[in-house]
Amino acid sequence: MSNTVEHNPNFTYRPDIDGLRAVAILLVIIFHAFPKFLRGGFIGVDIFFMISGYLITSIILKNQSQNNFSLLDFYSRRIKRIFPSLIVVLTFCLVAGWFILLGNEYELLGKHYSGP
């Protein structure tokens, strides 16, 4: 989470938000590990989306108040932050799928990546 602070000097570090992120992640992990124990664990995803919306909105509003907001810059930062992880996950899924899935399953995996 410190990367966000380092890359965006307009953002003030909030330890309470990191705590909420931890709770959200724990809810999702417990839900996947013990689905009967925590049936509503998917709420962690909702919490995470609310935190993201709050942080993104506060960054946009702060940049707008300083007349420093650029939609191109905004999306550029999102892409630089999200795409490296996305590429790793997609590559791992395709490589692991080659070894783990049956032919027709791997074909379906490929269809999910390439669209309809």
C-alpha atoms as a PDB file:
ATOM      1  CA  MET A   1       0.000   0.000   0.000  1.00  0.00           C
ATOM      2  CA  SER A   2       2.990   2.263   0.394  1.00  0.00           C
ATOM      3  CA  ASN A   3       3.390   2.255  -3.399  1.00  0.00           C
ATOM      4  CA  THR A   4       0.205   4.298  -3.650  1.00  0.00           C
ATOM      5  CA  VAL A   5       1.617   6.880  -1.271  1.00  0.00           C
ATOM      6  CA  GLU A   6       4.961   7.037  -3.069  1.00  0.00           C
ATOM      7  CA  HIS A   7       3.370   7.362  -6.525  1.00  0.00           C
ATOM      8  CA  ASN A   8       0.773   9.909  -5.481  1.00  0.00           C
ATOM      9  CA  PRO A   9       2.097  12.699  -3.275  1.00  0.00           C
ATOM     10  CA  ASN A  10      -1.439  14.163  -3.058  1.00  0.00           C
ATOM     11  CA  PHE A  11      -2.589  11.143  -1.049  1.00  0.00           C
ATOM     12  CA  THR A  12      -2.343  11.118   2.730  1.00  0.00           C
ATOM     13  CA  TYR A  13      -1.663   7.666   4.190  1.00  0.00           C
ATOM     14  CA  ARG A  14      -4.621   6.292   6.136  1.00  0.00           C
ATOM     15  CA  PRO A  15      -3.828   3.305   8.391  1.00  0.00           C
ATOM     16  CA  ASP A  16      -7.546   2.811   9.065  1.00  0.00           C
ATOM     17  CA  ILE A  17      -8.111   2.153   5.365  1.00  0.00           C
ATOM     18  CA  ASP A  18      -5.314  -0.427   5.379  1.00  0.00           C
ATOM     19  CA  GLY A  19      -7.099  -2.058   8.327  1.00  0.00           C
ATOM     20  CA  LEU A  20     -10.361  -2.168   6.371  1.00  0.00           C
ATOM     21  CA  ARG A  21      -8.504  -3.679   3.414  1.00  0.00           C
ATOM     22  CA  ALA A  22      -7.131  -6.380   5.698  1.00  0.00           C
ATOM     23  CA  VAL A  23     -10.621  -7.149   7.020  1.00  0.00           C
ATOM     24  CA  ALA A  24     -11.999  -7.311   3.475  1.00  0.00           C
ATOM     25  CA  ILE A  25      -9.255  -9.674   2.326  1.00  0.00           C
ATOM     26  CA  LEU A  26      -9.639 -11.891   5.390  1.00  0.00           C
ATOM     27  CA  LEU A  27     -13.390 -12.158   4.801  1.00  0.00           C
ATOM     28  CA  VAL A  28     -12.820 -13.331   1.236  1.00  0.00           C
ATOM     29  CA  ILE A  29     -10.073 -15.797   2.207  1.00  0.00           C
ATOM     30  CA  ILE A  30     -12.128 -17.290   5.044  1.00  0.00           C
ATOM     31  CA  PHE A  31     -15.153 -17.505   2.752  1.00  0.00           C
ATOM     32  CA  HIS A  32     -13.168 -19.472   0.159  1.00  0.00           C
ATOM     33  CA  ALA A  33     -11.441 -21.689   2.708  1.00  0.00           C
ATOM     34  CA  PHE A  34     -14.517 -22.390   4.861  1.00  0.00           C
ATOM     35  CA  PRO A  35     -17.650 -21.467   2.856  1.00  0.00           C
ATOM     36  CA  LYS A  36     -20.048 -22.997   5.391  1.00  0.00           C
ATOM     37  CA  PHE A  37     -18.411 -21.112   8.265  1.00  0.00           C
ATOM     38  CA  LEU A  38     -18.702 -17.664   6.680  1.00  0.00           C
ATOM     39  CA  ARG A  39     -21.514 -17.637   4.140  1.00  0.00           C
ATOM     40  CA  GLY A  40     -21.426 -13.883   3.532  1.00  0.00           C
ATOM     41  CA  GLY A  41     -17.680 -13.629   3.039  1.00  0.00           C
ATOM     42  CA  PHE A  42     -18.148 -12.148  -0.408  1.00  0.00           C
ATOM     43  CA  ILE A  43     -19.023  -8.923   1.411  1.00  0.00           C
ATOM     44  CA  GLY A  44     -15.248  -8.440   1.588  1.00  0.00           C
ATOM     45  CA  VAL A  45     -15.293  -7.732  -2.143  1.00  0.00           C
ATOM     46  CA  ASP A  46     -17.963  -5.083  -1.599  1.00  0.00           C
ATOM     47  CA  ILE A  47     -15.893  -3.495   1.169  1.00  0.00           C
ATOM     48  CA  PHE A  48     -12.840  -3.471  -1.093  1.00  0.00           C
ATOM     49  CA  PHE A  49     -14.823  -1.799  -3.909  1.00  0.00           C
ATOM     50  CA  MET A  50     -16.130   0.838  -1.496  1.00  0.00           C
ATOM     51  CA  ILE A  51     -12.586   1.596  -0.294  1.00  0.00           C
ATOM     52  CA  SER A  52     -11.353   1.845  -3.893  1.00  0.00           C
ATOM     53  CA  GLY A  53     -14.222   4.150  -4.829  1.00  0.00           C
ATOM     54  CA  TYR A  54     -13.534   6.373  -1.843  1.00  0.00           C
ATOM     55  CA  LEU A  55      -9.810   6.605  -2.583  1.00  0.00           C
ATOM     56  CA  ILE A  56     -10.237   7.178  -6.315  1.00  0.00           C
ATOM     57  CA  THR A  57     -12.928   9.813  -5.747  1.00  0.00           C
ATOM     58  CA  SER A  58     -10.790  11.640  -3.188  1.00  0.00           C
ATOM     59  CA  ILE A  59      -7.824  11.674  -5.584  1.00  0.00           C
ATOM     60  CA  ILE A  60      -9.986  12.994  -8.448  1.00  0.00           C
ATOM     61  CA  LEU A  61     -11.616  15.679  -6.294  1.00  0.00           C
ATOM     62  CA  LYS A  62      -8.275  16.816  -4.888  1.00  0.00           C
ATOM     63  CA  ASN A  63      -6.741  17.047  -8.382  1.00  0.00           C
ATOM     64  CA  GLN A  64      -9.793  18.906  -9.683  1.00  0.00           C
ATOM     65  CA  SER A  65      -9.650  21.416  -6.838  1.00  0.00           C
ATOM     66  CA  GLN A  66      -6.031  22.108  -7.796  1.00  0.00           C
ATOM     67  CA  ASN A  67      -6.977  22.340 -11.503  1.00  0.00           C
ATOM     68  CA  ASN A  68      -4.592  19.451 -12.054  1.00  0.00           C
ATOM     69  CA  PHE A  69      -6.939  16.665 -13.208  1.00  0.00           C
ATOM     70  CA  SER A  70      -6.329  14.864 -16.472  1.00  0.00           C
ATOM     71  CA  LEU A  71      -8.482  11.931 -17.557  1.00  0.00           C
ATOM     72  CA  LEU A  72      -5.603  10.593 -19.655  1.00  0.00           C
ATOM     73  CA  ASP A  73      -3.238  10.759 -16.684  1.00  0.00           C
ATOM     74  CA  PHE A  74      -5.866   9.170 -14.435  1.00  0.00           C
ATOM     75  CA  TYR A  75      -6.346   6.143 -16.703  1.00  0.00           C
ATOM     76  CA  SER A  76      -2.633   5.931 -17.416  1.00  0.00           C
ATOM     77  CA  ARG A  77      -1.941   5.542 -13.676  1.00  0.00           C
ATOM     78  CA  ARG A  78      -4.672   2.878 -13.377  1.00  0.00           C
ATOM     79  CA  ILE A  79      -3.236   0.912 -16.321  1.00  0.00           C
ATOM     80  CA  LYS A  80       0.330   1.114 -14.994  1.00  0.00           C
ATOM     81  CA  ARG A  81      -0.884  -0.161 -11.630  1.00  0.00           C
ATOM     82  CA  ILE A  82      -3.254  -2.935 -12.756  1.00  0.00           C
ATOM     83  CA  PHE A  83      -1.829  -4.317 -16.016  1.00  0.00           C
ATOM     84  CA  PRO A  84       1.386  -5.871 -14.657  1.00  0.00           C
ATOM     85  CA  SER A  85      -0.608  -8.062 -12.265  1.00  0.00           C
ATOM     86  CA  LEU A  86      -3.214  -8.761 -14.924  1.00  0.00           C
ATOM     87  CA  ILE A  87      -0.573  -9.960 -17.387  1.00  0.00           C
ATOM     88  CA  VAL A  88       1.007 -12.234 -14.754  1.00  0.00           C
ATOM     89  CA  VAL A  89      -2.358 -13.775 -13.836  1.00  0.00           C
ATOM     90  CA  LEU A  90      -3.452 -14.283 -17.450  1.00  0.00           C
ATOM     91  CA  THR A  91      -0.100 -15.817 -18.392  1.00  0.00           C
ATOM     92  CA  PHE A  92      -0.154 -18.135 -15.379  1.00  0.00           C
ATOM     93  CA  CYS A  93      -3.709 -19.265 -16.162  1.00  0.00           C
ATOM     94  CA  LEU A  94      -2.878 -20.020 -19.785  1.00  0.00           C
ATOM     95  CA  VAL A  95       0.344 -21.889 -18.948  1.00  0.00           C
ATOM     96  CA  ALA A  96      -1.166 -23.813 -16.020  1.00  0.00           C
ATOM     97  CA  GLY A  97      -4.261 -24.560 -18.100  1.00  0.00           C
ATOM     98  CA  TRP A  98      -2.080 -26.105 -20.810  1.00  0.00           C
ATOM     99  CA  PHE A  99      -0.859 -28.689 -18.303  1.00  0.00           C
ATOM    100  CA  ILE A 100      -3.941 -29.107 -16.094  1.00  0.00           C
ATOM    101  CA  LEU A 101      -6.999 -28.820 -18.330  1.00  0.00           C
ATOM    102  CA  LEU A 102      -8.347 -31.226 -20.893  1.00  0.00           C
ATOM    103  CA  GLY A 103      -8.360 -30.135 -24.525  1.00  0.00           C
ATOM    104  CA  ASN A 104     -11.972 -28.937 -24.616  1.00  0.00           C
ATOM    105  CA  GLU A 105     -11.551 -27.157 -21.260  1.00  0.00           C
ATOM    106  CA  TYR A 106      -8.438 -25.375 -22.504  1.00  0.00           C
ATOM    107  CA  GLU A 107     -10.334 -24.377 -25.619  1.00  0.00           C
ATOM    108  CA  LEU A 108     -13.040 -22.838 -23.407  1.00  0.00           C
ATOM    109  CA  LEU A 109     -10.340 -21.026 -21.418  1.00  0.00           C
ATOM    110  CA  GLY A 110      -9.035 -19.562 -24.679  1.00  0.00           C
ATOM    111  CA  LYS A 111     -12.525 -18.443 -25.655  1.00  0.00           C
ATOM    112  CA  HIS A 112     -12.849 -16.573 -22.368  1.00  0.00           C
ATOM    113  CA  TYR A 113      -9.635 -14.667 -23.141  1.00  0.00           C
ATOM    114  CA  SER A 114     -10.413 -13.858 -26.747  1.00  0.00           C
ATOM    115  CA  GLY A 115     -14.076 -12.920 -26.378  1.00  0.00           C
ATOM    116  CA  PRO A 116     -17.160 -14.336 -28.129  1.00  0.00           C
END
